[in-house]
Amino acid sequence: MDIIERVKEFIAGYLEEHGIELVDISYRAESHGMVLRLLADKPEGIMLSECEALNKFLSEKMDEANFIEERYTIEVSSPGLDRPLKANSDFKRVMGRDIEVDTHEPVDGKRHLEGILVGMDKEAIIVERDGISAVVPKDKIAVARLKIEF
């Protein structure tokens, strides 16, 4: 079992108990050594203190298990407002809001779409702008993000 899968096992109960969603996890070499990076969120947004608590919990579990022999750093943070929408839960969270979608190939003649996310299923999302709907197959999405206006 690889490191990421073991970490997911360690924190699964903690995440469920605290209503936290694991958005992304990576373990990779960076300029200052190996980094185990977790992006976590909650429907109402995650607080810094919750990221710190998850970091402390994971650090203690990792010390107990002692299965990584090299030096590493654990980072737990929020993915931020402009994080890419990937999982169904990401799209559900922003349903009814303005999003931007870039595609690998044109959809209805366009590779960049903006509009309100009005629907989705396992295969596609539906984006509506000015009364016109576009069905965007998920396998054609290069990146989708919540449109943030300041």
N, C-alpha and C. Protein backbone atom coordinates (compact mmCIF):
# COMPACT_ATOMS: atom_id res chain seq x y z
N MET A 1 0.86 -1.18 0.00
CA MET A 1 0.00 0.00 0.00
C MET A 1 0.90 1.24 0.00
N ASP A 2 0.58 2.21 -0.83
CA ASP A 2 1.44 3.38 -0.91
C ASP A 2 1.15 4.37 0.23
N ILE A 3 2.00 5.36 0.35
CA ILE A 3 1.93 6.33 1.44
C ILE A 3 0.60 7.06 1.46
N ILE A 4 0.16 7.53 0.31
CA ILE A 4 -1.09 8.29 0.25
C ILE A 4 -2.27 7.45 0.72
N GLU A 5 -2.34 6.21 0.29
CA GLU A 5 -3.45 5.34 0.71
C GLU A 5 -3.41 5.08 2.22
N ARG A 6 -2.22 4.90 2.78
CA ARG A 6 -2.10 4.70 4.23
C ARG A 6 -2.54 5.93 4.99
N VAL A 7 -2.16 7.10 4.51
CA VAL A 7 -2.56 8.35 5.16
C VAL A 7 -4.08 8.49 5.12
N LYS A 8 -4.68 8.18 3.97
CA LYS A 8 -6.14 8.25 3.86
C LYS A 8 -6.81 7.34 4.89
N GLU A 9 -6.25 6.14 5.08
CA GLU A 9 -6.78 5.22 6.08
C GLU A 9 -6.68 5.81 7.48
N PHE A 10 -5.52 6.40 7.80
CA PHE A 10 -5.29 7.00 9.13
C PHE A 10 -6.32 8.07 9.46
N ILE A 11 -6.68 8.88 8.48
CA ILE A 11 -7.51 10.05 8.77
C ILE A 11 -8.99 9.88 8.42
N ALA A 12 -9.38 8.78 7.83
CA ALA A 12 -10.76 8.60 7.38
C ALA A 12 -11.76 8.84 8.51
N GLY A 13 -11.56 8.21 9.65
CA GLY A 13 -12.48 8.38 10.77
C GLY A 13 -12.50 9.80 11.30
N TYR A 14 -11.33 10.41 11.38
CA TYR A 14 -11.22 11.79 11.85
C TYR A 14 -11.99 12.73 10.93
N LEU A 15 -11.81 12.55 9.63
CA LEU A 15 -12.49 13.41 8.66
C LEU A 15 -14.01 13.28 8.80
N GLU A 16 -14.48 12.04 8.89
CA GLU A 16 -15.92 11.81 9.01
C GLU A 16 -16.46 12.42 10.31
N GLU A 17 -15.76 12.19 11.40
CA GLU A 17 -16.19 12.69 12.71
C GLU A 17 -16.29 14.22 12.74
N HIS A 18 -15.40 14.89 12.01
CA HIS A 18 -15.35 16.35 12.03
C HIS A 18 -16.01 17.01 10.81
N GLY A 19 -16.63 16.20 9.94
CA GLY A 19 -17.31 16.75 8.78
C GLY A 19 -16.39 17.41 7.78
N ILE A 20 -15.17 16.88 7.67
CA ILE A 20 -14.16 17.46 6.78
C ILE A 20 -14.06 16.61 5.52
N GLU A 21 -13.94 17.28 4.39
CA GLU A 21 -13.73 16.60 3.10
C GLU A 21 -12.26 16.73 2.72
N LEU A 22 -11.65 15.61 2.35
CA LEU A 22 -10.29 15.63 1.83
C LEU A 22 -10.38 15.96 0.36
N VAL A 23 -9.95 17.15 -0.02
CA VAL A 23 -10.05 17.62 -1.40
C VAL A 23 -8.93 17.05 -2.26
N ASP A 24 -7.72 17.03 -1.70
CA ASP A 24 -6.57 16.53 -2.45
C ASP A 24 -5.49 16.13 -1.47
N ILE A 25 -4.63 15.23 -1.90
CA ILE A 25 -3.50 14.81 -1.08
C ILE A 25 -2.35 14.47 -2.02
N SER A 26 -1.15 14.87 -1.63
CA SER A 26 0.03 14.55 -2.42
C SER A 26 1.22 14.32 -1.50
N TYR A 27 2.17 13.57 -2.00
CA TYR A 27 3.43 13.33 -1.29
C TYR A 27 4.52 13.42 -2.34
N ARG A 28 5.33 14.48 -2.23
CA ARG A 28 6.32 14.68 -3.28
C ARG A 28 7.54 15.45 -2.77
N ALA A 29 8.60 15.34 -3.55
CA ALA A 29 9.84 16.05 -3.23
C ALA A 29 9.70 17.51 -3.64
N GLU A 30 10.12 18.38 -2.73
CA GLU A 30 10.18 19.81 -3.02
C GLU A 30 11.56 20.29 -2.62
N SER A 31 11.83 21.56 -2.81
CA SER A 31 13.20 22.07 -2.61
C SER A 31 13.72 21.82 -1.19
N HIS A 32 12.84 21.81 -0.20
CA HIS A 32 13.28 21.62 1.18
C HIS A 32 13.03 20.21 1.71
N GLY A 33 12.73 19.27 0.83
CA GLY A 33 12.54 17.88 1.23
C GLY A 33 11.17 17.36 0.83
N MET A 34 10.82 16.20 1.36
CA MET A 34 9.52 15.57 1.05
C MET A 34 8.40 16.30 1.78
N VAL A 35 7.26 16.47 1.08
CA VAL A 35 6.12 17.16 1.67
C VAL A 35 4.86 16.32 1.47
N LEU A 36 4.17 16.07 2.57
CA LEU A 36 2.86 15.43 2.55
C LEU A 36 1.86 16.56 2.68
N ARG A 37 1.15 16.87 1.59
CA ARG A 37 0.26 18.03 1.55
C ARG A 37 -1.19 17.57 1.42
N LEU A 38 -2.02 18.06 2.34
CA LEU A 38 -3.44 17.76 2.33
C LEU A 38 -4.22 19.05 2.16
N LEU A 39 -5.20 19.03 1.27
CA LEU A 39 -6.14 20.13 1.12
C LEU A 39 -7.46 19.63 1.67
N ALA A 40 -7.98 20.34 2.66
CA ALA A 40 -9.21 19.92 3.33
C ALA A 40 -10.21 21.06 3.33
N ASP A 41 -11.49 20.71 3.35
CA ASP A 41 -12.53 21.74 3.33
C ASP A 41 -13.77 21.21 4.02
N LYS A 42 -14.69 22.12 4.30
CA LYS A 42 -16.00 21.80 4.85
C LYS A 42 -17.02 22.60 4.05
N PRO A 43 -18.27 22.18 4.04
CA PRO A 43 -19.27 22.92 3.25
C PRO A 43 -19.33 24.41 3.62
N GLU A 44 -19.14 24.72 4.89
CA GLU A 44 -19.20 26.13 5.32
C GLU A 44 -17.83 26.79 5.32
N GLY A 45 -16.82 26.06 4.85
CA GLY A 45 -15.44 26.55 4.85
C GLY A 45 -14.71 26.03 6.08
N ILE A 46 -13.44 25.78 5.94
CA ILE A 46 -12.66 25.22 7.04
C ILE A 46 -11.85 26.33 7.70
N MET A 47 -11.76 26.26 9.00
CA MET A 47 -11.03 27.27 9.77
C MET A 47 -9.57 26.84 9.91
N LEU A 48 -8.70 27.81 10.12
CA LEU A 48 -7.29 27.54 10.32
C LEU A 48 -7.09 26.59 11.51
N SER A 49 -7.85 26.79 12.58
CA SER A 49 -7.71 25.93 13.76
C SER A 49 -8.07 24.48 13.44
N GLU A 50 -9.00 24.26 12.51
CA GLU A 50 -9.36 22.89 12.11
C GLU A 50 -8.24 22.25 11.28
N CYS A 51 -7.59 23.05 10.44
CA CYS A 51 -6.43 22.55 9.68
C CYS A 51 -5.30 22.19 10.64
N GLU A 52 -5.08 23.04 11.64
CA GLU A 52 -4.04 22.77 12.63
C GLU A 52 -4.34 21.50 13.41
N ALA A 53 -5.60 21.31 13.80
CA ALA A 53 -5.99 20.12 14.56
C ALA A 53 -5.80 18.85 13.72
N LEU A 54 -6.16 18.90 12.44
CA LEU A 54 -5.97 17.76 11.55
C LEU A 54 -4.48 17.46 11.38
N ASN A 55 -3.67 18.51 11.24
CA ASN A 55 -2.23 18.35 11.12
C ASN A 55 -1.66 17.66 12.36
N LYS A 56 -2.08 18.11 13.53
CA LYS A 56 -1.60 17.52 14.80
C LYS A 56 -2.01 16.06 14.90
N PHE A 57 -3.26 15.77 14.58
CA PHE A 57 -3.77 14.39 14.63
C PHE A 57 -2.95 13.49 13.69
N LEU A 58 -2.77 13.94 12.45
CA LEU A 58 -2.04 13.15 11.46
C LEU A 58 -0.58 12.98 11.87
N SER A 59 0.03 14.03 12.37
CA SER A 59 1.42 13.97 12.80
C SER A 59 1.62 12.92 13.88
N GLU A 60 0.71 12.88 14.84
CA GLU A 60 0.79 11.89 15.92
C GLU A 60 0.62 10.48 15.37
N LYS A 61 -0.34 10.29 14.46
CA LYS A 61 -0.57 8.97 13.86
C LYS A 61 0.64 8.52 13.04
N MET A 62 1.23 9.44 12.30
CA MET A 62 2.38 9.11 11.47
C MET A 62 3.59 8.76 12.35
N ASP A 63 3.75 9.48 13.47
CA ASP A 63 4.84 9.16 14.39
C ASP A 63 4.67 7.77 14.99
N GLU A 64 3.43 7.42 15.34
CA GLU A 64 3.15 6.10 15.90
C GLU A 64 3.44 4.99 14.88
N ALA A 65 2.99 5.18 13.65
CA ALA A 65 3.13 4.15 12.61
C ALA A 65 4.57 4.05 12.11
N ASN A 66 5.24 5.19 12.03
CA ASN A 66 6.64 5.24 11.64
C ASN A 66 6.95 4.44 10.37
N PHE A 67 6.14 4.62 9.33
CA PHE A 67 6.35 3.86 8.10
C PHE A 67 7.07 4.66 7.01
N ILE A 68 7.31 5.94 7.24
CA ILE A 68 8.09 6.73 6.28
C ILE A 68 9.47 6.93 6.90
N GLU A 69 10.49 6.45 6.22
CA GLU A 69 11.83 6.50 6.79
C GLU A 69 12.55 7.81 6.53
N GLU A 70 12.19 8.51 5.47
CA GLU A 70 12.85 9.78 5.16
C GLU A 70 12.20 10.92 5.92
N ARG A 71 12.91 12.04 5.98
CA ARG A 71 12.36 13.24 6.63
C ARG A 71 11.26 13.81 5.74
N TYR A 72 10.19 14.29 6.34
CA TYR A 72 9.09 14.87 5.58
C TYR A 72 8.39 15.93 6.42
N THR A 73 7.65 16.77 5.75
CA THR A 73 6.85 17.82 6.37
C THR A 73 5.40 17.56 6.03
N ILE A 74 4.51 17.81 7.00
CA ILE A 74 3.07 17.71 6.75
C ILE A 74 2.50 19.11 6.65
N GLU A 75 1.74 19.36 5.60
CA GLU A 75 1.04 20.64 5.43
C GLU A 75 -0.44 20.35 5.23
N VAL A 76 -1.28 21.01 6.02
CA VAL A 76 -2.73 20.90 5.86
C VAL A 76 -3.26 22.31 5.66
N SER A 77 -4.01 22.50 4.59
CA SER A 77 -4.55 23.83 4.33
C SER A 77 -5.87 23.74 3.58
N SER A 78 -6.49 24.87 3.45
CA SER A 78 -7.72 25.00 2.66
C SER A 78 -7.33 25.14 1.20
N PRO A 79 -8.13 24.59 0.30
CA PRO A 79 -7.79 24.72 -1.12
C PRO A 79 -8.03 26.11 -1.69
N GLY A 80 -8.74 26.98 -0.98
CA GLY A 80 -8.99 28.33 -1.46
C GLY A 80 -10.22 28.41 -2.35
N LEU A 81 -10.69 29.61 -2.55
CA LEU A 81 -11.90 29.83 -3.34
C LEU A 81 -11.74 29.48 -4.81
N ASP A 82 -10.52 29.64 -5.34
CA ASP A 82 -10.31 29.43 -6.77
C ASP A 82 -9.84 28.01 -7.10
N ARG A 83 -10.05 27.09 -6.19
CA ARG A 83 -9.61 25.72 -6.44
C ARG A 83 -10.36 25.12 -7.62
N PRO A 84 -9.73 24.25 -8.35
CA PRO A 84 -10.43 23.59 -9.46
C PRO A 84 -11.57 22.71 -8.94
N LEU A 85 -12.64 22.67 -9.70
CA LEU A 85 -13.77 21.80 -9.40
C LEU A 85 -13.50 20.49 -10.12
N LYS A 86 -13.40 19.39 -9.36
CA LYS A 86 -13.08 18.10 -9.96
C LYS A 86 -14.12 17.04 -9.63
N ALA A 87 -14.36 16.84 -8.35
CA ALA A 87 -15.26 15.78 -7.90
C ALA A 87 -16.72 16.22 -8.00
N ASN A 88 -17.62 15.24 -8.03
CA ASN A 88 -19.05 15.56 -8.04
C ASN A 88 -19.41 16.45 -6.86
N SER A 89 -18.78 16.20 -5.70
CA SER A 89 -19.08 17.02 -4.52
C SER A 89 -18.69 18.48 -4.74
N ASP A 90 -17.63 18.72 -5.51
CA ASP A 90 -17.23 20.10 -5.83
C ASP A 90 -18.32 20.80 -6.64
N PHE A 91 -18.81 20.10 -7.66
CA PHE A 91 -19.85 20.69 -8.51
C PHE A 91 -21.15 20.88 -7.73
N LYS A 92 -21.51 19.92 -6.90
CA LYS A 92 -22.74 20.05 -6.08
C LYS A 92 -22.65 21.26 -5.17
N ARG A 93 -21.46 21.50 -4.60
CA ARG A 93 -21.27 22.61 -3.67
C ARG A 93 -21.50 23.96 -4.35
N VAL A 94 -21.21 24.07 -5.65
CA VAL A 94 -21.34 25.37 -6.33
C VAL A 94 -22.55 25.43 -7.26
N MET A 95 -23.44 24.45 -7.14
CA MET A 95 -24.65 24.44 -7.97
C MET A 95 -25.39 25.77 -7.81
N GLY A 96 -25.80 26.35 -8.94
CA GLY A 96 -26.53 27.61 -8.91
C GLY A 96 -25.62 28.84 -8.90
N ARG A 97 -24.33 28.61 -8.95
CA ARG A 97 -23.39 29.74 -8.93
C ARG A 97 -22.67 29.85 -10.27
N ASP A 98 -22.04 30.98 -10.48
CA ASP A 98 -21.31 31.28 -11.71
C ASP A 98 -19.98 30.53 -11.72
N ILE A 99 -19.71 29.79 -12.81
CA ILE A 99 -18.45 29.08 -12.95
C ILE A 99 -17.81 29.39 -14.30
N GLU A 100 -16.52 29.07 -14.41
CA GLU A 100 -15.78 29.16 -15.66
C GLU A 100 -15.26 27.77 -15.98
N VAL A 101 -15.35 27.39 -17.24
CA VAL A 101 -14.93 26.06 -17.66
C VAL A 101 -14.07 26.19 -18.91
N ASP A 102 -12.88 25.60 -18.87
CA ASP A 102 -12.03 25.47 -20.05
C ASP A 102 -12.02 24.00 -20.43
N THR A 103 -12.12 23.73 -21.72
CA THR A 103 -12.22 22.35 -22.18
C THR A 103 -11.03 21.96 -23.06
N HIS A 104 -10.79 20.65 -23.16
CA HIS A 104 -9.72 20.14 -24.01
C HIS A 104 -10.05 20.30 -25.49
N GLU A 105 -11.33 20.26 -25.80
CA GLU A 105 -11.78 20.44 -27.18
C GLU A 105 -13.07 21.24 -27.15
N PRO A 106 -13.44 21.88 -28.23
CA PRO A 106 -14.61 22.75 -28.24
C PRO A 106 -15.91 22.04 -27.86
N VAL A 107 -16.73 22.76 -27.11
CA VAL A 107 -18.09 22.34 -26.77
C VAL A 107 -18.98 23.45 -27.30
N ASP A 108 -19.89 23.10 -28.20
CA ASP A 108 -20.72 24.11 -28.87
C ASP A 108 -19.85 25.20 -29.49
N GLY A 109 -18.70 24.79 -30.04
CA GLY A 109 -17.82 25.72 -30.73
C GLY A 109 -16.92 26.56 -29.83
N LYS A 110 -16.95 26.32 -28.52
CA LYS A 110 -16.15 27.13 -27.60
C LYS A 110 -15.30 26.25 -26.70
N ARG A 111 -14.11 26.76 -26.36
CA ARG A 111 -13.25 26.06 -25.40
C ARG A 111 -13.27 26.72 -24.04
N HIS A 112 -13.91 27.88 -23.92
CA HIS A 112 -14.06 28.58 -22.64
C HIS A 112 -15.53 28.94 -22.50
N LEU A 113 -16.13 28.46 -21.42
CA LEU A 113 -17.53 28.76 -21.15
C LEU A 113 -17.66 29.38 -19.76
N GLU A 114 -18.57 30.30 -19.63
CA GLU A 114 -18.89 30.90 -18.34
C GLU A 114 -20.39 30.90 -18.21
N GLY A 115 -20.86 30.69 -16.99
CA GLY A 115 -22.29 30.73 -16.75
C GLY A 115 -22.65 30.08 -15.43
N ILE A 116 -23.94 29.98 -15.20
CA ILE A 116 -24.45 29.39 -13.97
C ILE A 116 -24.47 27.87 -14.13
N LEU A 117 -23.94 27.17 -13.13
CA LEU A 117 -24.03 25.71 -13.12
C LEU A 117 -25.45 25.35 -12.72
N VAL A 118 -26.21 24.81 -13.67
CA VAL A 118 -27.63 24.54 -13.42
C VAL A 118 -27.95 23.05 -13.30
N GLY A 119 -26.99 22.19 -13.65
CA GLY A 119 -27.27 20.76 -13.55
C GLY A 119 -26.02 19.94 -13.74
N MET A 120 -26.13 18.67 -13.36
CA MET A 120 -25.02 17.74 -13.54
C MET A 120 -25.50 16.32 -13.36
N ASP A 121 -24.74 15.40 -13.93
CA ASP A 121 -24.94 13.99 -13.66
C ASP A 121 -23.55 13.34 -13.69
N LYS A 122 -23.47 12.03 -13.77
CA LYS A 122 -22.17 11.36 -13.74
C LYS A 122 -21.30 11.72 -14.94
N GLU A 123 -21.92 12.04 -16.06
CA GLU A 123 -21.19 12.24 -17.31
C GLU A 123 -20.92 13.69 -17.70
N ALA A 124 -21.77 14.62 -17.24
CA ALA A 124 -21.67 15.99 -17.75
C ALA A 124 -22.18 17.01 -16.74
N ILE A 125 -21.82 18.27 -17.01
CA ILE A 125 -22.39 19.40 -16.26
C ILE A 125 -23.16 20.25 -17.26
N ILE A 126 -24.09 21.06 -16.76
CA ILE A 126 -24.85 21.96 -17.62
C ILE A 126 -24.62 23.38 -17.13
N VAL A 127 -24.12 24.20 -18.04
CA VAL A 127 -23.83 25.59 -17.74
C VAL A 127 -24.78 26.45 -18.57
N GLU A 128 -25.41 27.43 -17.92
CA GLU A 128 -26.37 28.28 -18.62
C GLU A 128 -25.94 29.73 -18.55
N ARG A 129 -26.03 30.40 -19.71
CA ARG A 129 -25.73 31.83 -19.78
C ARG A 129 -26.70 32.48 -20.76
N ASP A 130 -27.33 33.54 -20.33
CA ASP A 130 -28.29 34.28 -21.16
C ASP A 130 -29.36 33.38 -21.74
N GLY A 131 -29.84 32.42 -20.93
CA GLY A 131 -30.91 31.53 -21.36
C GLY A 131 -30.48 30.39 -22.27
N ILE A 132 -29.20 30.30 -22.58
CA ILE A 132 -28.70 29.23 -23.44
C ILE A 132 -27.88 28.26 -22.60
N SER A 133 -28.23 26.98 -22.71
CA SER A 133 -27.55 25.95 -21.93
C SER A 133 -26.50 25.23 -22.78
N ALA A 134 -25.40 24.88 -22.14
CA ALA A 134 -24.36 24.07 -22.78
C ALA A 134 -24.13 22.85 -21.91
N VAL A 135 -24.17 21.68 -22.54
CA VAL A 135 -23.87 20.43 -21.85
C VAL A 135 -22.38 20.15 -22.07
N VAL A 136 -21.63 20.10 -20.97
CA VAL A 136 -20.19 19.91 -21.05
C VAL A 136 -19.84 18.53 -20.49
N PRO A 137 -19.41 17.60 -21.36
CA PRO A 137 -19.00 16.29 -20.85
C PRO A 137 -17.81 16.45 -19.90
N LYS A 138 -17.87 15.76 -18.76
CA LYS A 138 -16.81 15.89 -17.77
C LYS A 138 -15.45 15.46 -18.31
N ASP A 139 -15.42 14.51 -19.22
CA ASP A 139 -14.13 14.07 -19.75
C ASP A 139 -13.50 15.09 -20.71
N LYS A 140 -14.24 16.14 -21.06
CA LYS A 140 -13.70 17.20 -21.90
C LYS A 140 -13.24 18.41 -21.08
N ILE A 141 -13.48 18.39 -19.77
CA ILE A 141 -13.13 19.53 -18.92
C ILE A 141 -11.64 19.51 -18.61
N ALA A 142 -10.95 20.58 -19.00
CA ALA A 142 -9.53 20.75 -18.64
C ALA A 142 -9.46 21.32 -17.23
N VAL A 143 -10.23 22.37 -16.98
CA VAL A 143 -10.30 22.97 -15.65
C VAL A 143 -11.63 23.69 -15.52
N ALA A 144 -12.23 23.55 -14.34
CA ALA A 144 -13.46 24.28 -14.02
C ALA A 144 -13.25 24.93 -12.65
N ARG A 145 -13.70 26.17 -12.55
CA ARG A 145 -13.53 26.93 -11.28
C ARG A 145 -14.75 27.79 -11.03
N LEU A 146 -14.98 28.05 -9.77
CA LEU A 146 -15.98 29.02 -9.37
C LEU A 146 -15.51 30.38 -9.89
N LYS A 147 -16.39 31.14 -10.49
CA LYS A 147 -16.02 32.47 -10.99
C LYS A 147 -16.08 33.43 -9.81
N ILE A 148 -14.97 34.05 -9.53
CA ILE A 148 -14.87 34.95 -8.39
C ILE A 148 -14.80 36.38 -8.91
N GLU A 149 -15.72 37.19 -8.44
CA GLU A 149 -15.75 38.59 -8.84
C GLU A 149 -15.47 39.46 -7.62
N PHE A 150 -14.62 40.44 -7.82
CA PHE A 150 -14.27 41.33 -6.71
C PHE A 150 -14.96 42.65 -6.84
